[in-house]
Amino acid sequence: MRFVFTLLAALALSACGLQPIYAGANGKGVVADLSAVQIAPIEGRTGWLLATALEDRVDLNRTAPAPRYRLDVQLDESLESLGLLSDERVTRERRILRARYQLVDLESGTILLDASAGSDSGIDVVSSDYATIAAERAAAERLAQTVADQIVTRVSVALRKRN
């Protein structure tokens, strides 16, 4: 009975047109297109973290041809105080990272994708300044990874639709 159900599920999925995003038609897939994306420089330490995370994700081929696309990213980051004690000391902070990005075709100058991504992370503020700073930096690294994942997913879908 399980075999029959599995077979029917496989047939239903193949009939609906569902395909893996990295599967390419005629040997050309999203991996080749992602490798042709140039990441424009992003300002600041968090920008550097995000640019590095993006480069790790788009340079899947390692033998990339000349770039055909450019990814422009502008960051908006903030740090909010949440938990306040009676003596007005902060006990909790929230770090927010938002990125507005555009995927530009270098040949025509056309904007292929204009979107935004973002995430936030909570930080406990403790009596040790070192521990708080380390927590803030770790949160920035996690946020950069999360936002990079969101951006690459959307760029992959846009490139897949284009081909």
Protein backbone atom coordinates (compact mmCIF):
# COMPACT_ATOMS: atom_id res chain seq x y z
CA MET A 1 0.00 0.00 0.00
CA ARG A 2 2.86 2.39 0.81
CA PHE A 3 4.47 1.64 -2.53
CA VAL A 4 1.27 2.52 -4.39
CA PHE A 5 0.89 5.76 -2.42
CA THR A 6 4.54 6.71 -3.06
CA LEU A 7 4.16 5.99 -6.77
CA LEU A 8 0.97 8.07 -7.00
CA ALA A 9 2.58 10.95 -5.08
CA ALA A 10 5.61 10.90 -7.41
CA LEU A 11 3.36 10.96 -10.48
CA ALA A 12 1.27 13.80 -9.07
CA LEU A 13 4.35 15.91 -8.29
CA SER A 14 5.87 15.38 -11.72
CA ALA A 15 2.57 16.32 -13.37
CA CYS A 16 2.28 19.64 -11.53
CA GLY A 17 5.54 20.97 -12.97
CA LEU A 18 7.38 21.09 -9.65
CA GLN A 19 11.12 21.08 -10.33
CA PRO A 20 14.20 21.55 -8.17
CA ILE A 21 15.43 25.12 -8.43
CA TYR A 22 18.99 24.05 -9.22
CA ALA A 23 17.97 21.59 -11.96
CA GLY A 24 18.82 23.08 -15.30
CA ALA A 25 17.25 22.74 -18.69
CA ASN A 26 19.72 21.61 -21.36
CA GLY A 27 22.55 21.43 -18.84
CA LYS A 28 22.25 25.11 -17.90
CA GLY A 29 20.96 25.76 -14.44
CA VAL A 30 20.68 28.39 -11.78
CA VAL A 31 24.15 27.46 -10.50
CA ALA A 32 25.73 28.85 -13.68
CA ASP A 33 23.62 32.00 -13.45
CA LEU A 34 24.40 32.48 -9.75
CA SER A 35 28.10 32.20 -10.52
CA ALA A 36 27.69 35.11 -12.94
CA VAL A 37 26.34 37.44 -10.22
CA GLN A 38 28.74 40.15 -9.06
CA ILE A 39 28.16 41.41 -5.52
CA ALA A 40 28.58 45.18 -5.32
CA PRO A 41 30.48 46.43 -2.24
CA ILE A 42 28.26 47.00 0.81
CA GLU A 43 29.19 49.62 3.41
CA GLY A 44 30.06 48.87 7.02
CA ARG A 45 31.04 45.84 9.05
CA THR A 46 27.63 44.21 8.70
CA GLY A 47 27.78 44.98 4.99
CA TRP A 48 31.08 43.14 4.78
CA LEU A 49 29.56 40.18 6.65
CA LEU A 50 26.58 40.13 4.28
CA ALA A 51 28.73 40.49 1.15
CA THR A 52 30.94 37.60 2.29
CA ALA A 53 27.90 35.42 3.01
CA LEU A 54 26.42 36.27 -0.40
CA GLU A 55 29.69 35.50 -2.20
CA ASP A 56 29.87 32.13 -0.44
CA ARG A 57 26.39 31.30 -1.71
CA VAL A 58 26.52 32.59 -5.29
CA ASP A 59 30.02 31.46 -6.24
CA LEU A 60 29.00 27.81 -6.47
CA ASN A 61 30.87 27.13 -9.70
CA ARG A 62 34.27 28.59 -8.69
CA THR A 63 35.11 28.92 -12.40
CA ALA A 64 32.74 31.79 -12.96
CA PRO A 65 32.63 33.52 -16.32
CA ALA A 66 32.56 37.28 -16.62
CA PRO A 67 29.72 38.67 -14.52
CA ARG A 68 26.39 39.13 -16.31
CA TYR A 69 24.48 40.44 -13.31
CA ARG A 70 25.18 42.81 -10.43
CA LEU A 71 23.55 42.62 -7.02
CA ASP A 72 23.24 46.03 -5.36
CA VAL A 73 22.41 45.93 -1.65
CA GLN A 74 21.62 48.75 0.76
CA LEU A 75 21.43 47.94 4.46
CA ASP A 76 19.38 49.45 7.22
CA GLU A 77 20.32 48.19 10.66
CA SER A 78 19.15 49.26 14.07
CA LEU A 79 19.48 48.30 17.71
CA GLU A 80 16.47 48.71 20.01
CA SER A 81 16.43 48.56 23.79
CA LEU A 82 13.63 46.34 25.06
CA GLY A 83 13.95 45.26 28.69
CA LEU A 84 14.33 48.12 31.16
CA LEU A 85 14.88 47.76 34.89
CA SER A 86 13.63 50.24 37.48
CA ASP A 87 17.03 51.98 37.42
CA GLU A 88 16.68 52.34 33.62
CA ARG A 89 19.34 49.77 32.79
CA VAL A 90 18.72 47.83 29.59
CA THR A 91 18.50 44.04 29.95
CA ARG A 92 17.51 43.06 26.42
CA GLU A 93 18.18 44.46 22.96
CA ARG A 94 16.86 43.64 19.53
CA ARG A 95 19.13 43.97 16.53
CA ILE A 96 17.28 44.46 13.23
CA LEU A 97 18.81 44.07 9.78
CA ARG A 98 16.91 44.99 6.62
CA ALA A 99 18.35 44.83 3.13
CA ARG A 100 16.93 46.34 -0.02
CA TYR A 101 18.49 44.77 -3.06
CA GLN A 102 18.34 44.94 -6.84
CA LEU A 103 19.53 42.41 -9.38
CA VAL A 104 20.72 44.31 -12.46
CA ASP A 105 21.45 42.86 -15.90
CA LEU A 106 24.85 44.35 -16.76
CA GLU A 107 24.32 44.12 -20.52
CA SER A 108 21.04 46.01 -20.71
CA GLY A 109 20.99 47.81 -17.35
CA THR A 110 17.54 46.36 -16.67
CA ILE A 111 16.53 45.75 -13.06
CA LEU A 112 15.46 42.11 -12.95
CA LEU A 113 14.55 42.02 -9.28
CA ASP A 114 13.85 44.75 -6.73
CA ALA A 115 13.04 43.34 -3.31
CA SER A 116 13.89 43.45 0.37
CA ALA A 117 14.87 40.93 3.01
CA GLY A 118 15.30 41.17 6.72
CA SER A 119 15.50 39.54 10.08
CA ASP A 120 15.98 40.40 13.73
CA SER A 121 17.73 38.87 16.69
CA GLY A 122 17.41 39.25 20.45
CA ILE A 123 20.42 39.95 22.65
CA ASP A 124 20.65 39.63 26.43
CA VAL A 125 22.53 42.55 27.97
CA VAL A 126 24.56 41.29 30.91
CA SER A 127 26.86 43.02 33.39
CA SER A 128 29.94 42.09 31.38
CA ASP A 129 30.56 44.56 28.56
CA TYR A 130 32.68 41.99 26.74
CA ALA A 131 29.88 39.40 26.77
CA THR A 132 27.37 41.95 25.50
CA ILE A 133 29.65 43.09 22.67
CA ALA A 134 30.37 39.46 21.74
CA ALA A 135 26.62 38.73 21.71
CA GLU A 136 25.97 41.76 19.49
CA ARG A 137 28.65 40.65 17.02
CA ALA A 138 27.38 37.08 16.98
CA ALA A 139 23.87 38.40 16.33
CA ALA A 140 25.16 40.50 13.42
CA GLU A 141 26.83 37.42 11.92
CA ARG A 142 23.64 35.33 12.28
CA LEU A 143 21.55 38.09 10.75
CA ALA A 144 23.92 38.42 7.79
CA GLN A 145 23.68 34.66 7.16
CA THR A 146 19.88 34.69 7.40
CA VAL A 147 19.45 37.70 5.12
CA ALA A 148 21.95 36.24 2.62
CA ASP A 149 19.91 33.03 2.47
CA GLN A 150 16.74 35.04 1.79
CA ILE A 151 18.40 37.12 -0.93
CA VAL A 152 19.98 34.15 -2.72
CA THR A 153 16.69 32.25 -2.68
CA ARG A 154 14.83 35.17 -4.30
CA VAL A 155 17.63 35.78 -6.82
CA SER A 156 17.66 32.07 -7.71
CA VAL A 157 13.91 32.10 -8.34
CA ALA A 158 14.20 35.26 -10.48
CA LEU A 159 17.02 33.76 -12.55
CA ARG A 160 15.15 30.47 -12.90
CA LYS A 161 12.05 32.28 -14.20
CA ARG A 162 14.18 34.27 -16.63
CA ASN A 163 15.55 31.13 -18.25
